[in-house]
């Protein structure tokens, strides 16, 4: 893994924990205790997770997974399943209060770098005598986005042009 990718993954994990009101490394110190407490049931839940594409596939898997669990094991697993939503709710409610509001709006289809490249290519085509609307249509097809998205990028070119001066 490249260092840039590694740094990005770590930063995202740290920021997510900070948004939830915690510290990634403090959370990870407590993780072994949680895993230890429920590790007996982890293989079963992992198998359920892997085979839960739909009810029929899950049922087919469970019917061939082996013998029934002992009654006390079954009761423990059922209790765990029933309490998971409440456990999550209790833990997430406090964290949700500390989260910033949603940024809203639709995600951008083009990165700033792509917008720059598109504007440069449109400029080159225009310099070769291609009409501006035709050049924009070509870029829309090339980048598999709408013509309007290309037009927005073209309108925004003044912002990054003045920022680089």
C-alpha atoms as a PDB file:
ATOM      1  CA  UNK A   1       0.000   0.000   0.000  1.00  0.00           C
ATOM      2  CA  UNK A   2       1.293   3.436  -0.863  1.00  0.00           C
ATOM      3  CA  UNK A   3       2.016   5.822   2.008  1.00  0.00           C
ATOM      4  CA  UNK A   4      -0.537   8.339   0.702  1.00  0.00           C
ATOM      5  CA  UNK A   5      -3.299   5.719   0.739  1.00  0.00           C
ATOM      6  CA  UNK A   6      -2.227   4.514   4.178  1.00  0.00           C
ATOM      7  CA  UNK A   7      -2.267   8.073   5.551  1.00  0.00           C
ATOM      8  CA  UNK A   8      -5.677   8.734   4.008  1.00  0.00           C
ATOM      9  CA  UNK A   9      -7.200   5.589   5.559  1.00  0.00           C
ATOM     10  CA  UNK A  10      -5.764   6.384   8.985  1.00  0.00           C
ATOM     11  CA  UNK A  11      -6.921  10.003   8.807  1.00  0.00           C
ATOM     12  CA  UNK A  12     -10.452   8.960   7.857  1.00  0.00           C
ATOM     13  CA  UNK A  13     -10.614   6.504  10.777  1.00  0.00           C
ATOM     14  CA  UNK A  14      -9.304   9.121  13.205  1.00  0.00           C
ATOM     15  CA  UNK A  15     -11.721  11.772  11.964  1.00  0.00           C
ATOM     16  CA  UNK A  16     -14.687   9.400  12.127  1.00  0.00           C
ATOM     17  CA  UNK A  17     -13.913   8.534  15.737  1.00  0.00           C
ATOM     18  CA  UNK A  18     -13.454  12.225  16.562  1.00  0.00           C
ATOM     19  CA  UNK A  19     -16.862  13.013  15.043  1.00  0.00           C
ATOM     20  CA  UNK A  20     -18.333  10.300  17.261  1.00  0.00           C
ATOM     21  CA  UNK A  21     -16.738  11.953  20.271  1.00  0.00           C
ATOM     22  CA  UNK A  22     -13.953   9.439  20.773  1.00  0.00           C
ATOM     23  CA  UNK A  23     -10.357   8.695  19.997  1.00  0.00           C
ATOM     24  CA  UNK A  24      -9.531   5.902  17.545  1.00  0.00           C
ATOM     25  CA  UNK A  25      -6.695   4.573  19.651  1.00  0.00           C
ATOM     26  CA  UNK A  26      -8.716   4.580  22.876  1.00  0.00           C
ATOM     27  CA  UNK A  27     -11.520   2.724  21.098  1.00  0.00           C
ATOM     28  CA  UNK A  28      -9.052   0.174  19.754  1.00  0.00           C
ATOM     29  CA  UNK A  29      -7.678  -0.413  23.277  1.00  0.00           C
ATOM     30  CA  UNK A  30     -11.182  -1.465  24.365  1.00  0.00           C
ATOM     31  CA  UNK A  31     -11.918  -3.557  21.271  1.00  0.00           C
ATOM     32  CA  UNK A  32     -10.200  -6.743  22.535  1.00  0.00           C
ATOM     33  CA  UNK A  33     -12.492  -6.792  25.594  1.00  0.00           C
ATOM     34  CA  UNK A  34     -15.582  -6.616  23.407  1.00  0.00           C
ATOM     35  CA  UNK A  35     -14.243  -9.226  21.015  1.00  0.00           C
ATOM     36  CA  UNK A  36     -13.264 -11.502  23.911  1.00  0.00           C
ATOM     37  CA  UNK A  37     -16.745 -11.276  25.420  1.00  0.00           C
ATOM     38  CA  UNK A  38     -18.506 -12.312  22.198  1.00  0.00           C
ATOM     39  CA  UNK A  39     -15.822 -14.369  20.423  1.00  0.00           C
ATOM     40  CA  UNK A  40     -17.637 -17.626  21.104  1.00  0.00           C
ATOM     41  CA  UNK A  41     -20.455 -16.417  18.834  1.00  0.00           C
ATOM     42  CA  UNK A  42     -18.334 -14.611  16.251  1.00  0.00           C
ATOM     43  CA  UNK A  43     -17.939 -17.604  13.878  1.00  0.00           C
ATOM     44  CA  UNK A  44     -21.702 -18.146  13.755  1.00  0.00           C
ATOM     45  CA  UNK A  45     -22.414 -14.475  13.071  1.00  0.00           C
ATOM     46  CA  UNK A  46     -19.654 -14.378  10.455  1.00  0.00           C
ATOM     47  CA  UNK A  47     -21.194 -17.353   8.661  1.00  0.00           C
ATOM     48  CA  UNK A  48     -24.663 -15.800   8.855  1.00  0.00           C
ATOM     49  CA  UNK A  49     -23.228 -12.532   7.500  1.00  0.00           C
ATOM     50  CA  UNK A  50     -21.550 -14.345   4.596  1.00  0.00           C
ATOM     51  CA  UNK A  51     -24.716 -16.253   3.654  1.00  0.00           C
ATOM     52  CA  UNK A  52     -27.400 -13.626   4.248  1.00  0.00           C
ATOM     53  CA  UNK A  53     -27.981 -12.563   0.665  1.00  0.00           C
ATOM     54  CA  UNK A  54     -31.665 -13.431   1.013  1.00  0.00           C
ATOM     55  CA  UNK A  55     -33.904 -15.434   3.341  1.00  0.00           C
ATOM     56  CA  UNK A  56     -33.839 -18.591   1.192  1.00  0.00           C
ATOM     57  CA  UNK A  57     -30.028 -18.739   0.982  1.00  0.00           C
ATOM     58  CA  UNK A  58     -29.685 -18.041   4.681  1.00  0.00           C
ATOM     59  CA  UNK A  59     -32.214 -20.752   5.552  1.00  0.00           C
ATOM     60  CA  UNK A  60     -30.467 -23.242   3.249  1.00  0.00           C
ATOM     61  CA  UNK A  61     -27.147 -22.452   4.932  1.00  0.00           C
ATOM     62  CA  UNK A  62     -28.476 -22.739   8.483  1.00  0.00           C
ATOM     63  CA  UNK A  63     -30.243 -26.019   7.719  1.00  0.00           C
ATOM     64  CA  UNK A  64     -26.921 -27.540   6.633  1.00  0.00           C
ATOM     65  CA  UNK A  65     -24.674 -25.730   9.155  1.00  0.00           C
ATOM     66  CA  UNK A  66     -24.616 -28.568  11.644  1.00  0.00           C
ATOM     67  CA  UNK A  67     -26.478 -29.640  14.750  1.00  0.00           C
ATOM     68  CA  UNK A  68     -28.788 -27.339  16.674  1.00  0.00           C
ATOM     69  CA  UNK A  69     -27.104 -25.320  19.403  1.00  0.00           C
ATOM     70  CA  UNK A  70     -27.731 -26.361  22.976  1.00  0.00           C
ATOM     71  CA  UNK A  71     -30.845 -24.672  24.456  1.00  0.00           C
ATOM     72  CA  UNK A  72     -28.789 -22.313  26.647  1.00  0.00           C
ATOM     73  CA  UNK A  73     -26.579 -21.361  23.693  1.00  0.00           C
ATOM     74  CA  UNK A  74     -29.621 -20.720  21.537  1.00  0.00           C
ATOM     75  CA  UNK A  75     -31.162 -18.521  24.218  1.00  0.00           C
ATOM     76  CA  UNK A  76     -27.924 -16.535  24.566  1.00  0.00           C
ATOM     77  CA  UNK A  77     -27.667 -15.992  20.801  1.00  0.00           C
ATOM     78  CA  UNK A  78     -31.331 -14.975  20.566  1.00  0.00           C
ATOM     79  CA  UNK A  79     -30.887 -12.560  23.457  1.00  0.00           C
ATOM     80  CA  UNK A  80     -27.841 -11.055  21.777  1.00  0.00           C
ATOM     81  CA  UNK A  81     -29.709 -10.669  18.486  1.00  0.00           C
ATOM     82  CA  UNK A  82     -32.648  -9.019  20.247  1.00  0.00           C
ATOM     83  CA  UNK A  83     -30.491  -6.576  22.194  1.00  0.00           C
ATOM     84  CA  UNK A  84     -28.148  -5.455  19.402  1.00  0.00           C
ATOM     85  CA  UNK A  85     -30.484  -2.661  18.186  1.00  0.00           C
ATOM     86  CA  UNK A  86     -30.785  -1.290  21.720  1.00  0.00           C
ATOM     87  CA  UNK A  87     -27.052  -1.518  22.324  1.00  0.00           C
ATOM     88  CA  UNK A  88     -26.382   0.318  19.080  1.00  0.00           C
ATOM     89  CA  UNK A  89     -29.060   2.892  19.816  1.00  0.00           C
ATOM     90  CA  UNK A  90     -27.644   3.662  23.259  1.00  0.00           C
ATOM     91  CA  UNK A  91     -24.103   4.002  21.953  1.00  0.00           C
ATOM     92  CA  UNK A  92     -24.999   5.913  18.818  1.00  0.00           C
ATOM     93  CA  UNK A  93     -27.412   8.404  20.380  1.00  0.00           C
ATOM     94  CA  UNK A  94     -24.695  10.161  22.332  1.00  0.00           C
ATOM     95  CA  UNK A  95     -22.346  10.063  19.387  1.00  0.00           C
ATOM     96  CA  UNK A  96     -25.012  11.388  17.004  1.00  0.00           C
ATOM     97  CA  UNK A  97     -25.440  14.518  19.105  1.00  0.00           C
ATOM     98  CA  UNK A  98     -21.788  15.363  18.520  1.00  0.00           C
ATOM     99  CA  UNK A  99     -21.888  14.824  14.750  1.00  0.00           C
ATOM    100  CA  UNK A 100     -21.824  17.836  12.457  1.00  0.00           C
ATOM    101  CA  UNK A 101     -24.858  18.315  10.215  1.00  0.00           C
ATOM    102  CA  UNK A 102     -24.949  16.603   6.850  1.00  0.00           C
ATOM    103  CA  UNK A 103     -23.211  18.614   4.127  1.00  0.00           C
ATOM    104  CA  UNK A 104     -26.314  18.230   1.985  1.00  0.00           C
ATOM    105  CA  UNK A 105     -26.531  18.395  -1.754  1.00  0.00           C
ATOM    106  CA  UNK A 106     -25.548  15.878  -4.339  1.00  0.00           C
ATOM    107  CA  UNK A 107     -21.904  14.775  -4.511  1.00  0.00           C
ATOM    108  CA  UNK A 108     -19.882  16.348  -7.301  1.00  0.00           C
ATOM    109  CA  UNK A 109     -19.425  14.207 -10.392  1.00  0.00           C
ATOM    110  CA  UNK A 110     -16.096  15.732 -11.342  1.00  0.00           C
ATOM    111  CA  UNK A 111     -13.094  16.281  -9.145  1.00  0.00           C
ATOM    112  CA  UNK A 112     -11.418  19.717  -9.277  1.00  0.00           C
ATOM    113  CA  UNK A 113      -8.542  18.104 -11.203  1.00  0.00           C
ATOM    114  CA  UNK A 114     -10.935  16.628 -13.776  1.00  0.00           C
ATOM    115  CA  UNK A 115     -12.644  20.013 -14.158  1.00  0.00           C
ATOM    116  CA  UNK A 116      -9.290  21.632 -14.888  1.00  0.00           C
ATOM    117  CA  UNK A 117      -8.382  18.946 -17.422  1.00  0.00           C
ATOM    118  CA  UNK A 118     -11.760  19.293 -19.137  1.00  0.00           C
ATOM    119  CA  UNK A 119     -11.450  23.062 -19.388  1.00  0.00           C
ATOM    120  CA  UNK A 120      -7.952  22.749 -20.827  1.00  0.00           C
ATOM    121  CA  UNK A 121      -9.142  20.190 -23.388  1.00  0.00           C
ATOM    122  CA  UNK A 122     -12.117  22.369 -24.325  1.00  0.00           C
ATOM    123  CA  UNK A 123      -9.729  25.305 -24.756  1.00  0.00           C
ATOM    124  CA  UNK A 124      -7.469  23.221 -26.981  1.00  0.00           C
ATOM    125  CA  UNK A 125     -10.400  22.073 -29.119  1.00  0.00           C
ATOM    126  CA  UNK A 126     -11.658  25.652 -29.344  1.00  0.00           C
ATOM    127  CA  UNK A 127      -8.182  26.736 -30.424  1.00  0.00           C
ATOM    128  CA  UNK A 128      -8.344  24.123 -33.204  1.00  0.00           C
ATOM    129  CA  UNK A 129     -11.553  25.670 -34.504  1.00  0.00           C
ATOM    130  CA  UNK A 130     -14.162  23.459 -32.801  1.00  0.00           C
ATOM    131  CA  UNK A 131     -17.203  25.440 -31.665  1.00  0.00           C
ATOM    132  CA  UNK A 132     -17.541  25.732 -27.870  1.00  0.00           C
ATOM    133  CA  UNK A 133     -20.867  23.793 -27.622  1.00  0.00           C
ATOM    134  CA  UNK A 134     -19.420  20.973 -29.748  1.00  0.00           C
ATOM    135  CA  UNK A 135     -16.251  20.821 -27.626  1.00  0.00           C
ATOM    136  CA  UNK A 136     -18.367  20.659 -24.460  1.00  0.00           C
ATOM    137  CA  UNK A 137     -20.482  17.849 -25.932  1.00  0.00           C
ATOM    138  CA  UNK A 138     -17.330  15.885 -26.771  1.00  0.00           C
ATOM    139  CA  UNK A 139     -16.069  16.239 -23.197  1.00  0.00           C
ATOM    140  CA  UNK A 140     -19.452  15.152 -21.814  1.00  0.00           C
ATOM    141  CA  UNK A 141     -19.270  11.965 -23.891  1.00  0.00           C
ATOM    142  CA  UNK A 142     -15.591  11.376 -23.061  1.00  0.00           C
ATOM    143  CA  UNK A 143     -16.120  11.738 -19.289  1.00  0.00           C
ATOM    144  CA  UNK A 144     -19.549  10.090 -19.322  1.00  0.00           C
ATOM    145  CA  UNK A 145     -21.300  13.008 -17.606  1.00  0.00           C
ATOM    146  CA  UNK A 146     -24.071  15.346 -18.673  1.00  0.00           C
ATOM    147  CA  UNK A 147     -23.519  18.348 -20.862  1.00  0.00           C
ATOM    148  CA  UNK A 148     -24.726  20.539 -17.981  1.00  0.00           C
ATOM    149  CA  UNK A 149     -21.961  19.150 -15.725  1.00  0.00           C
ATOM    150  CA  UNK A 150     -19.371  20.137 -18.334  1.00  0.00           C
ATOM    151  CA  UNK A 151     -20.945  23.578 -18.682  1.00  0.00           C
ATOM    152  CA  UNK A 152     -20.734  24.074 -14.899  1.00  0.00           C
ATOM    153  CA  UNK A 153     -17.049  23.111 -14.946  1.00  0.00           C
ATOM    154  CA  UNK A 154     -16.486  25.603 -17.773  1.00  0.00           C
ATOM    155  CA  UNK A 155     -18.274  28.341 -15.815  1.00  0.00           C
ATOM    156  CA  UNK A 156     -16.135  27.641 -12.748  1.00  0.00           C
ATOM    157  CA  UNK A 157     -12.837  27.920 -14.635  1.00  0.00           C
ATOM    158  CA  UNK A 158     -12.482  31.565 -13.606  1.00  0.00           C
ATOM    159  CA  UNK A 159     -12.282  30.495  -9.932  1.00  0.00           C
ATOM    160  CA  UNK A 160      -9.319  28.183 -10.285  1.00  0.00           C
ATOM    161  CA  UNK A 161      -7.703  30.456 -12.837  1.00  0.00           C
ATOM    162  CA  UNK A 162      -7.664  33.375 -10.388  1.00  0.00           C
ATOM    163  CA  UNK A 163      -6.639  31.119  -7.468  1.00  0.00           C
ATOM    164  CA  UNK A 164      -3.460  30.010  -9.275  1.00  0.00           C
ATOM    165  CA  UNK A 165      -2.250  33.577  -9.871  1.00  0.00           C
END
